[in-house]
Amino acid sequence: MQLVRLLIEVKGIFVEKSEVLQKLELVDWIQKLGVANYFEKEVNEFLETTTFKNPSAQESLHVPALSFRLLRQHGYKVSPDVLLRKFFNENGTMLSKISCGDDVKDIMELFEASHLRFEEENILEEAKSVVINSLKDTFNVPSSININYEHSERVFHALELPSHWRVPWFDVKWHVKQYHKEKHMEHHLLQLAKLNFNLIQLQLRKEVKELSRWWENLGIEKELSFARNRLVESFMCSAGVAVQPKYKSLRKWLTKLITFILVIDDVYDIHASFEEVKLFTAAFERWDAKEIEELPECMRICFNSLKEVTDETAYEIAGEKNFNMVLSYIKKAWIEFCKALFEEAKWYSMEYIPSLKEYLSNAWISSSGSAERERGDAASSILCYMNEMEVSEDKARKHIEEMINNAWKKINWYGTNGVGSMEPFITQARNAARMAHTLYQNGDGFGIQDLDIKEHISSLLVEPL
């Protein structure tokens, strides 16, 4: 079998590599090319023995920066001190810029490493700003026309969104293209990455077909013509969170969950009156279909369909023995979600714009842009901050971006402070945050079916490597 043969070949390459930098770069490429799940034992054994050393003034920072990033990505607690020598002059003052010169690869590695910082690591935050300024000056960002620098494509890709904030699987094709250009490219690793991508793509296609049949048989699209059909987008999000074949059931449950979130959101936003959503919310709180007998048929269909899918999911997860326990958790989540949407509906009916703190405390309300406000949604986090602080949209966006930065610092900290059994959950939670960047980086992937999302779907499900 071709897959087995390639796995043996790549494991052989891992053994052959003797220098630390060679192995670090191999581990990095194994991750970027989407095949790290095959080499967990080899990678963990190597990282367990990887140590920092303080580079001399003449030495490259590539090795310590790459080590720092890989170790933190895998949950190791490491200090960033050895990364910062390049940012200070002889008097100990931080530089405002550094020359990229022949060290673009080093600077890029420092840039990527800086996105794994914790809240208290202010000096690493400053270093990131120095790196960004230096890269922008060197590569004349955002003007990318006719630039012939060897690393320009990678620089623009990173400055658009750092790798730590990207959904790993959605970036595999881009990294395959980059790996083709590597001077010391390993042919067997490249072939393994292509084969693995195509095999997983075939599996994902089958899952989408199964879910499409489920959605069609459910009949909601016919009955609720106003609701968005975003089944494929919902599946794309699920695959972004957990793409490996062993998570097939998780992808199915997540896809159904996200699909119903959108349907219920549309009921609250654009179809039902305020009094109707009040009764609808009460029905969810009691989890009782009798509560909605007087409501429009579309709302009864929505509630009963969700109740059926929730029961089915709880049974698949827990079986008969723990069915009621699992069901209680899922029910609680739906109840809290609907109560939050009802709070949003109250704000909208009152033409009330909450403070940012009040908005965020209503945790399940989705942040939205102008497209969703036109559909009838309450104010977004940006609009709340603009109204509260009397600032421009640009300043409000910068404030929200800073909040996102701080949230990532907390995510990074939890990534190195969780116990081993939590690692899959931490990875999937991290990927959920990355999916938010994918959906909202250039618009609203659910509110409007934009070109970026269509390209992601095509790459994920249609175009093989």
Protein backbone atom coordinates (compact mmCIF):
# COMPACT_ATOMS: atom_id res chain seq x y z
CA MET A 1 0.00 0.00 0.00
CA GLN A 2 1.38 3.38 -1.04
CA LEU A 3 0.51 5.12 2.24
CA VAL A 4 2.35 2.53 4.35
CA ARG A 5 5.40 2.66 2.08
CA LEU A 6 5.60 6.45 2.29
CA LEU A 7 5.19 6.41 6.07
CA ILE A 8 8.12 4.02 6.37
CA GLU A 9 10.23 6.22 4.10
CA VAL A 10 9.48 9.41 6.05
CA LYS A 11 10.15 7.71 9.39
CA GLY A 12 13.49 6.70 7.92
CA ILE A 13 14.21 10.33 7.05
CA PHE A 14 13.46 11.26 10.65
CA VAL A 15 16.08 8.78 11.85
CA GLU A 16 18.65 9.95 9.28
CA LYS A 17 18.49 13.62 10.31
CA SER A 18 21.21 14.19 12.88
CA GLU A 19 21.47 17.98 13.21
CA VAL A 20 19.04 19.80 15.48
CA LEU A 21 18.05 22.35 12.82
CA GLN A 22 17.37 19.59 10.28
CA LYS A 23 15.05 17.80 12.68
CA LEU A 24 13.33 21.00 13.77
CA GLU A 25 12.60 21.92 10.17
CA LEU A 26 11.41 18.39 9.42
CA VAL A 27 9.00 18.53 12.39
CA ASP A 28 7.81 21.94 11.22
CA TRP A 29 7.12 20.72 7.69
CA ILE A 30 5.44 17.55 8.93
CA GLN A 31 3.01 19.80 10.82
CA LYS A 32 2.49 22.27 8.00
CA LEU A 33 1.85 19.51 5.45
CA GLY A 34 -0.89 17.98 7.59
CA VAL A 35 0.72 14.61 8.39
CA ALA A 36 1.80 15.17 12.01
CA ASN A 37 -0.73 12.62 13.29
CA TYR A 38 1.36 9.83 11.74
CA PHE A 39 4.52 10.85 13.60
CA GLU A 40 3.36 11.79 17.10
CA LYS A 41 5.77 9.36 18.79
CA GLU A 42 8.82 10.53 16.82
CA VAL A 43 7.98 14.22 17.22
CA ASN A 44 7.31 13.99 20.97
CA GLU A 45 10.50 12.02 21.62
CA PHE A 46 12.54 14.61 19.73
CA LEU A 47 10.93 17.62 21.41
CA GLU A 48 11.44 16.07 24.84
CA THR A 49 15.19 16.30 24.23
CA THR A 50 15.19 19.73 22.56
CA THR A 51 16.79 22.46 24.68
CA PHE A 52 17.44 26.16 24.24
CA LYS A 53 20.86 27.70 24.14
CA ASN A 54 21.64 31.38 24.15
CA PRO A 55 22.98 32.26 20.67
CA SER A 56 26.09 34.38 20.32
CA ALA A 57 25.98 37.73 18.56
CA GLN A 58 27.13 36.06 15.33
CA GLU A 59 24.74 33.11 15.42
CA SER A 60 21.38 32.93 13.68
CA LEU A 61 18.20 33.13 15.74
CA HIS A 62 16.48 30.66 13.43
CA VAL A 63 17.09 27.61 15.64
CA PRO A 64 15.96 29.11 18.99
CA ALA A 65 12.97 30.85 17.38
CA LEU A 66 11.84 27.67 15.65
CA SER A 67 12.46 25.64 18.82
CA PHE A 68 10.44 28.12 20.88
CA ARG A 69 7.49 28.01 18.49
CA LEU A 70 7.40 24.23 18.12
CA LEU A 71 7.79 23.62 21.85
CA ARG A 72 5.02 26.04 22.78
CA GLN A 73 2.78 24.61 20.07
CA HIS A 74 3.22 21.21 21.70
CA GLY A 75 2.49 22.45 25.22
CA TYR A 76 6.00 22.89 26.63
CA LYS A 77 6.76 25.79 28.98
CA VAL A 78 9.74 27.65 27.51
CA SER A 79 11.09 31.16 28.07
CA PRO A 80 11.32 33.66 25.19
CA ASP A 81 14.43 35.35 26.61
CA VAL A 82 16.82 33.81 24.08
CA LEU A 83 14.80 35.26 21.20
CA LEU A 84 15.23 38.88 22.19
CA ARG A 85 18.97 39.55 21.77
CA LYS A 86 18.48 40.87 18.25
CA PHE A 87 16.06 43.57 19.42
CA PHE A 88 18.40 45.49 21.74
CA ASN A 89 21.35 47.77 21.12
CA GLU A 90 24.54 47.83 23.19
CA ASN A 91 22.89 50.11 25.77
CA GLY A 92 20.05 47.65 26.34
CA THR A 93 17.48 49.83 24.55
CA MET A 94 14.99 48.15 22.24
CA LEU A 95 15.48 49.00 18.57
CA SER A 96 12.63 50.47 16.54
CA LYS A 97 13.63 48.41 13.48
CA ILE A 98 16.01 45.66 12.51
CA SER A 99 17.59 45.05 9.14
CA CYS A 100 16.18 42.03 7.35
CA GLY A 101 19.10 41.71 4.94
CA ASP A 102 19.99 38.05 4.56
CA ASP A 103 18.09 37.10 7.71
CA VAL A 104 14.52 37.25 6.37
CA LYS A 105 13.98 33.61 7.30
CA ASP A 106 15.12 34.36 10.86
CA ILE A 107 12.88 37.42 11.12
CA MET A 108 9.91 35.48 9.77
CA GLU A 109 10.49 32.77 12.36
CA LEU A 110 10.61 35.40 15.11
CA PHE A 111 7.38 36.89 13.80
CA GLU A 112 5.61 33.52 13.92
CA ALA A 113 7.07 32.70 17.34
CA SER A 114 5.85 36.01 18.78
CA HIS A 115 2.23 34.93 18.26
CA LEU A 116 2.62 32.25 20.92
CA ARG A 117 3.25 34.82 23.65
CA PHE A 118 1.49 34.94 27.03
CA GLU A 119 -0.18 37.94 28.67
CA GLU A 120 2.78 38.87 30.85
CA GLU A 121 5.33 38.71 28.02
CA ASN A 122 5.23 42.40 27.10
CA ILE A 123 8.75 42.42 25.74
CA LEU A 124 7.81 39.76 23.19
CA GLU A 125 4.85 41.94 22.23
CA GLU A 126 7.25 44.83 21.58
CA ALA A 127 9.54 42.54 19.61
CA LYS A 128 6.61 41.54 17.39
CA SER A 129 5.98 45.21 16.55
CA VAL A 130 9.65 45.68 15.64
CA VAL A 131 9.52 42.65 13.34
CA ILE A 132 6.32 43.82 11.63
CA ASN A 133 7.73 47.30 11.01
CA SER A 134 10.94 45.84 9.62
CA LEU A 135 9.14 43.43 7.29
CA LYS A 136 6.74 46.09 6.04
CA ASP A 137 9.60 48.47 5.29
CA THR A 138 11.69 45.81 3.56
CA PHE A 139 8.87 44.44 1.42
CA ASN A 140 6.96 47.67 0.90
CA VAL A 141 3.75 46.17 2.27
CA PRO A 142 0.92 46.45 1.27
CA SER A 143 2.17 47.12 -2.29
CA SER A 144 3.16 43.68 -3.56
CA ILE A 145 3.47 44.46 -7.26
CA ASN A 146 6.68 43.34 -9.01
CA ILE A 147 8.57 42.50 -5.81
CA ASN A 148 11.26 39.96 -6.56
CA TYR A 149 12.39 39.09 -3.05
CA GLU A 150 12.78 35.37 -2.53
CA HIS A 151 10.62 35.35 0.59
CA SER A 152 8.01 37.94 -0.41
CA GLU A 153 5.13 35.48 -0.88
CA ARG A 154 5.66 34.01 2.58
CA VAL A 155 5.97 37.46 4.15
CA PHE A 156 2.66 38.66 2.69
CA HIS A 157 0.96 35.42 3.69
CA ALA A 158 2.19 35.77 7.29
CA LEU A 159 1.35 39.46 7.62
CA GLU A 160 -2.17 38.80 6.34
CA LEU A 161 -2.65 36.24 9.10
CA PRO A 162 0.09 34.48 11.12
CA SER A 163 0.26 30.70 10.85
CA HIS A 164 -0.72 30.24 14.51
CA TRP A 165 -4.05 31.92 13.76
CA ARG A 166 -4.77 29.92 10.60
CA VAL A 167 -6.73 26.68 10.39
CA PRO A 168 -3.89 24.19 9.79
CA TRP A 169 -5.77 21.97 7.34
CA PHE A 170 -6.90 24.90 5.20
CA ASP A 171 -3.26 25.91 4.76
CA VAL A 172 -1.92 22.50 3.70
CA LYS A 173 -2.18 23.19 -0.03
CA TRP A 174 -0.36 26.50 0.33
CA HIS A 175 2.43 24.82 2.29
CA VAL A 176 2.71 22.03 -0.30
CA LYS A 177 3.33 24.72 -2.90
CA GLN A 178 5.99 26.31 -0.69
CA TYR A 179 7.63 22.98 0.09
CA HIS A 180 8.12 22.37 -3.64
CA LYS A 181 10.49 25.35 -3.61
CA GLU A 182 12.55 24.17 -0.63
CA LYS A 183 16.20 23.50 -1.44
CA HIS A 184 16.28 20.38 0.75
CA MET A 185 12.77 19.17 -0.03
CA GLU A 186 12.17 15.50 0.81
CA HIS A 187 10.30 13.89 -2.09
CA HIS A 188 8.70 11.14 0.00
CA LEU A 189 7.34 13.65 2.52
CA LEU A 190 5.85 15.71 -0.29
CA GLN A 191 4.21 12.62 -1.81
CA LEU A 192 2.86 11.59 1.59
CA ALA A 193 1.33 15.04 2.11
CA LYS A 194 -0.42 14.93 -1.27
CA LEU A 195 -1.71 11.40 -0.81
CA ASN A 196 -2.92 12.11 2.72
CA PHE A 197 -4.74 15.27 1.62
CA ASN A 198 -6.51 13.45 -1.21
CA LEU A 199 -7.51 10.52 1.00
CA ILE A 200 -8.98 12.82 3.64
CA GLN A 201 -10.71 14.87 0.94
CA LEU A 202 -12.46 11.72 -0.33
CA GLN A 203 -13.59 10.93 3.22
CA LEU A 204 -14.92 14.47 3.72
CA ARG A 205 -16.85 14.30 0.44
CA LYS A 206 -18.63 11.14 1.62
CA GLU A 207 -19.52 12.81 4.90
CA VAL A 208 -20.95 15.87 3.14
CA LYS A 209 -23.13 13.63 0.97
CA GLU A 210 -24.44 11.82 4.05
CA LEU A 211 -25.19 15.10 5.81
CA SER A 212 -26.87 16.51 2.70
CA ARG A 213 -29.23 13.52 2.66
CA TRP A 214 -29.94 14.09 6.36
CA TRP A 215 -30.73 17.76 5.74
CA GLU A 216 -32.97 16.98 2.77
CA ASN A 217 -34.87 14.28 4.68
CA LEU A 218 -35.34 16.67 7.61
CA GLY A 219 -37.35 18.92 5.29
CA ILE A 220 -36.52 22.16 7.06
CA GLU A 221 -35.37 23.96 3.91
CA LYS A 222 -38.78 23.42 2.30
CA GLU A 223 -40.72 24.43 5.39
CA LEU A 224 -38.52 27.34 6.45
CA SER A 225 -37.80 29.10 3.18
CA PHE A 226 -36.47 32.18 4.99
CA ALA A 227 -33.67 30.28 6.74
CA ARG A 228 -30.13 30.15 5.39
CA ASN A 229 -28.94 26.84 3.98
CA ARG A 230 -25.31 26.79 5.07
CA LEU A 231 -24.84 23.04 5.45
CA VAL A 232 -21.59 22.92 3.47
CA GLU A 233 -20.20 25.98 5.27
CA SER A 234 -21.15 24.38 8.59
CA PHE A 235 -19.33 21.20 7.59
CA MET A 236 -16.30 23.26 6.54
CA CYS A 237 -16.19 24.73 10.06
CA SER A 238 -16.43 21.27 11.59
CA ALA A 239 -13.59 19.99 9.42
CA GLY A 240 -11.53 23.03 10.39
CA VAL A 241 -11.98 22.16 14.05
CA ALA A 242 -11.17 18.44 13.70
CA VAL A 243 -10.22 17.05 10.28
CA GLN A 244 -8.65 13.67 11.07
CA PRO A 245 -10.73 10.62 10.05
CA LYS A 246 -11.16 9.47 13.67
CA TYR A 247 -13.27 12.57 14.35
CA LYS A 248 -15.99 11.71 11.83
CA SER A 249 -18.74 11.61 14.48
CA LEU A 250 -17.60 14.91 15.98
CA ARG A 251 -17.79 16.55 12.54
CA LYS A 252 -21.31 15.21 12.04
CA TRP A 253 -22.51 16.50 15.42
CA LEU A 254 -20.84 19.87 14.97
CA THR A 255 -22.28 20.31 11.47
CA LYS A 256 -25.80 19.63 12.70
CA LEU A 257 -25.24 21.96 15.66
CA ILE A 258 -23.98 24.85 13.53
CA THR A 259 -26.74 24.35 10.95
CA PHE A 260 -29.42 24.63 13.63
CA ILE A 261 -27.70 27.62 15.24
CA LEU A 262 -28.12 29.46 11.94
CA VAL A 263 -31.73 28.35 11.49
CA ILE A 264 -32.73 29.45 14.99
CA ASP A 265 -30.79 32.70 14.57
CA ASP A 266 -32.85 33.42 11.44
CA VAL A 267 -36.09 32.69 13.30
CA TYR A 268 -35.17 35.28 15.94
CA ASP A 269 -33.75 37.83 13.52
CA ILE A 270 -36.01 37.98 10.51
CA HIS A 271 -39.16 35.90 10.83
CA ALA A 272 -40.82 35.95 14.24
CA SER A 273 -42.33 38.86 16.12
CA PHE A 274 -41.01 39.83 19.53
CA GLU A 275 -43.96 38.17 21.31
CA GLU A 276 -43.44 35.00 19.29
CA VAL A 277 -39.75 34.71 20.14
CA LYS A 278 -40.65 35.32 23.79
CA LEU A 279 -42.90 32.24 23.73
CA PHE A 280 -40.35 30.35 21.64
CA THR A 281 -37.67 31.01 24.25
CA ALA A 282 -39.98 29.89 27.05
CA ALA A 283 -40.60 26.63 25.18
CA PHE A 284 -36.87 26.02 25.02
CA GLU A 285 -36.47 26.77 28.73
CA ARG A 286 -39.03 24.09 29.54
CA TRP A 287 -37.97 21.87 26.60
CA ASP A 288 -41.66 21.29 25.95
CA ALA A 289 -43.32 21.29 22.51
CA LYS A 290 -46.73 22.01 24.10
CA GLU A 291 -45.50 25.54 24.83
CA ILE A 292 -45.41 26.40 21.12
CA GLU A 293 -48.75 24.98 19.95
CA GLU A 294 -50.09 28.48 19.34
CA LEU A 295 -47.00 29.67 17.45
CA PRO A 296 -46.55 29.65 13.64
CA GLU A 297 -45.94 26.26 12.05
CA CYS A 298 -42.37 27.14 11.04
CA MET A 299 -41.42 27.64 14.69
CA ARG A 300 -43.01 24.35 15.70
CA ILE A 301 -41.12 22.57 12.93
CA CYS A 302 -37.86 24.20 14.02
CA PHE A 303 -38.32 23.26 17.69
CA ASN A 304 -39.41 19.68 17.03
CA SER A 305 -36.63 19.07 14.51
CA LEU A 306 -34.00 20.39 16.91
CA LYS A 307 -35.42 18.30 19.76
CA GLU A 308 -35.24 15.19 17.57
CA VAL A 309 -31.65 15.87 16.49
CA THR A 310 -30.61 16.64 20.08
CA ASP A 311 -32.03 13.34 21.34
CA GLU A 312 -30.33 11.49 18.49
CA THR A 313 -26.96 13.14 19.17
CA ALA A 314 -27.12 12.47 22.91
CA TYR A 315 -27.86 8.80 22.25
CA GLU A 316 -24.99 8.48 19.76
CA ILE A 317 -22.58 10.04 22.26
CA ALA A 318 -23.67 8.21 25.40
CA GLY A 319 -25.88 5.26 24.52
CA GLU A 320 -28.72 4.31 26.86
CA LYS A 321 -26.69 4.28 30.07
CA ASN A 322 -25.69 7.96 30.18
CA PHE A 323 -28.28 9.33 27.76
CA ASN A 324 -30.07 11.60 30.24
CA MET A 325 -26.84 13.07 31.59
CA VAL A 326 -25.51 13.97 28.14
CA LEU A 327 -28.92 15.21 27.02
CA SER A 328 -29.09 17.57 30.01
CA TYR A 329 -25.81 19.24 28.98
CA ILE A 330 -26.91 19.68 25.37
CA LYS A 331 -30.32 21.00 26.42
CA LYS A 332 -28.70 23.50 28.78
CA ALA A 333 -26.48 24.80 25.97
CA TRP A 334 -29.47 25.31 23.64
CA ILE A 335 -31.49 27.01 26.37
CA GLU A 336 -28.65 29.45 27.12
CA PHE A 337 -28.23 30.12 23.41
CA CYS A 338 -31.91 30.94 22.91
CA LYS A 339 -32.02 33.13 26.02
CA ALA A 340 -29.08 35.09 24.63
CA LEU A 341 -30.82 35.51 21.28
CA PHE A 342 -33.93 36.69 23.11
CA GLU A 343 -31.86 39.27 24.97
CA GLU A 344 -30.56 40.44 21.62
CA ALA A 345 -34.12 40.59 20.27
CA LYS A 346 -35.10 42.80 23.23
CA TRP A 347 -32.23 45.17 22.48
CA TYR A 348 -33.28 45.37 18.85
CA SER A 349 -36.97 45.96 19.62
CA MET A 350 -36.02 48.74 22.07
CA GLU A 351 -33.42 50.20 19.67
CA TYR A 352 -31.02 49.85 22.57
CA ILE A 353 -27.26 49.72 22.08
CA PRO A 354 -25.59 48.03 25.07
CA SER A 355 -22.13 48.75 26.40
CA LEU A 356 -19.38 46.49 25.13
CA LYS A 357 -19.17 44.75 28.52
CA GLU A 358 -22.91 44.13 28.54
CA TYR A 359 -22.79 42.89 24.97
CA LEU A 360 -19.95 40.46 25.67
CA SER A 361 -21.57 39.16 28.86
CA ASN A 362 -24.40 37.89 26.69
CA ALA A 363 -21.90 35.27 25.61
CA TRP A 364 -23.68 33.45 22.83
CA ILE A 365 -24.53 36.48 20.71
CA SER A 366 -22.55 36.44 17.51
CA SER A 367 -20.49 39.51 16.61
CA SER A 368 -21.69 40.79 13.28
CA GLY A 369 -20.98 43.27 10.55
CA SER A 370 -23.15 45.56 8.47
CA ALA A 371 -24.62 42.66 6.47
CA GLU A 372 -26.19 41.10 9.56
CA ARG A 373 -27.38 44.43 10.95
CA GLU A 374 -29.33 44.87 7.71
CA ARG A 375 -30.98 41.47 8.34
CA GLY A 376 -32.28 42.62 11.70
CA ASP A 377 -29.56 41.73 14.17
CA ALA A 378 -28.82 43.82 17.22
CA ALA A 379 -25.71 45.97 17.38
CA SER A 380 -22.34 44.31 16.93
CA SER A 381 -19.42 44.56 19.35
CA ILE A 382 -17.87 47.23 17.12
CA LEU A 383 -21.02 49.35 17.07
CA CYS A 384 -21.42 48.95 20.84
CA TYR A 385 -17.91 50.25 21.46
CA MET A 386 -18.36 53.09 18.94
CA ASN A 387 -21.53 54.21 20.70
CA GLU A 388 -20.19 53.77 24.24
CA MET A 389 -16.84 55.49 23.72
CA GLU A 390 -17.92 57.90 20.96
CA VAL A 391 -15.12 56.83 18.63
CA SER A 392 -14.83 56.07 14.94
CA GLU A 393 -15.36 52.61 13.46
CA ASP A 394 -11.63 52.38 12.77
CA LYS A 395 -10.74 52.97 16.43
CA ALA A 396 -13.42 50.53 17.53
CA ARG A 397 -12.04 47.86 15.22
CA LYS A 398 -8.55 48.40 16.60
CA HIS A 399 -9.88 47.98 20.13
CA ILE A 400 -11.62 44.70 19.20
CA GLU A 401 -8.44 43.54 17.46
CA GLU A 402 -6.53 44.19 20.69
CA MET A 403 -9.10 42.14 22.59
CA ILE A 404 -8.59 39.31 20.09
CA ASN A 405 -4.82 39.55 20.62
CA ASN A 406 -5.30 39.29 24.38
CA ALA A 407 -7.64 36.34 23.98
CA TRP A 408 -4.96 34.52 21.98
CA LYS A 409 -2.44 35.12 24.77
CA LYS A 410 -4.81 33.34 27.15
CA ILE A 411 -5.35 30.50 24.68
CA ASN A 412 -1.57 30.13 24.40
CA TRP A 413 -1.23 29.97 28.18
CA TYR A 414 -3.86 27.26 28.49
CA GLY A 415 -2.09 25.35 25.74
CA THR A 416 0.94 24.93 28.00
CA ASN A 417 -0.94 24.44 31.27
CA GLY A 418 -3.43 21.70 30.44
CA VAL A 419 -3.00 18.06 31.41
CA GLY A 420 -2.26 15.51 28.70
CA SER A 421 -5.82 14.19 28.49
CA MET A 422 -7.03 17.72 27.65
CA GLU A 423 -4.73 18.08 24.63
CA PRO A 424 -7.30 17.06 21.96
CA PHE A 425 -9.88 19.43 23.43
CA ILE A 426 -7.37 22.30 23.64
CA THR A 427 -6.37 21.71 20.01
CA GLN A 428 -10.00 21.72 18.86
CA ALA A 429 -10.83 24.82 20.91
CA ARG A 430 -7.82 26.54 19.36
CA ASN A 431 -9.00 25.49 15.90
CA ALA A 432 -12.45 26.91 16.64
CA ALA A 433 -10.82 30.29 17.29
CA ARG A 434 -8.90 29.90 14.03
CA MET A 435 -12.16 29.20 12.19
CA ALA A 436 -13.48 32.54 13.41
CA HIS A 437 -10.53 34.24 11.70
CA THR A 438 -11.25 32.30 8.51
CA LEU A 439 -14.93 33.26 8.50
CA TYR A 440 -14.58 36.91 9.47
CA GLN A 441 -11.14 37.94 8.22
CA ASN A 442 -12.54 39.50 5.04
CA GLY A 443 -16.25 39.71 5.77
CA ASP A 444 -18.92 37.37 7.11
CA GLY A 445 -18.71 33.81 5.87
CA PHE A 446 -22.20 32.96 7.12
CA GLY A 447 -24.08 36.22 6.60
CA ILE A 448 -22.94 36.42 2.97
CA GLN A 449 -21.48 33.59 0.88
CA ASP A 450 -18.29 35.44 -0.05
CA LEU A 451 -15.58 34.39 -2.49
CA ASP A 452 -13.03 33.48 0.19
CA ILE A 453 -15.35 30.93 1.79
CA LYS A 454 -16.28 29.46 -1.59
CA GLU A 455 -12.58 29.05 -2.35
CA HIS A 456 -12.02 27.31 1.00
CA ILE A 457 -14.90 24.92 0.29
CA SER A 458 -13.63 24.18 -3.21
CA SER A 459 -10.12 23.54 -1.92
CA LEU A 460 -11.38 21.37 0.94
CA LEU A 461 -13.87 19.23 -0.96
CA VAL A 462 -13.42 19.57 -4.73
CA GLU A 463 -9.86 20.20 -5.87
CA PRO A 464 -7.36 17.38 -5.14
CA LEU A 465 -3.60 17.80 -4.82
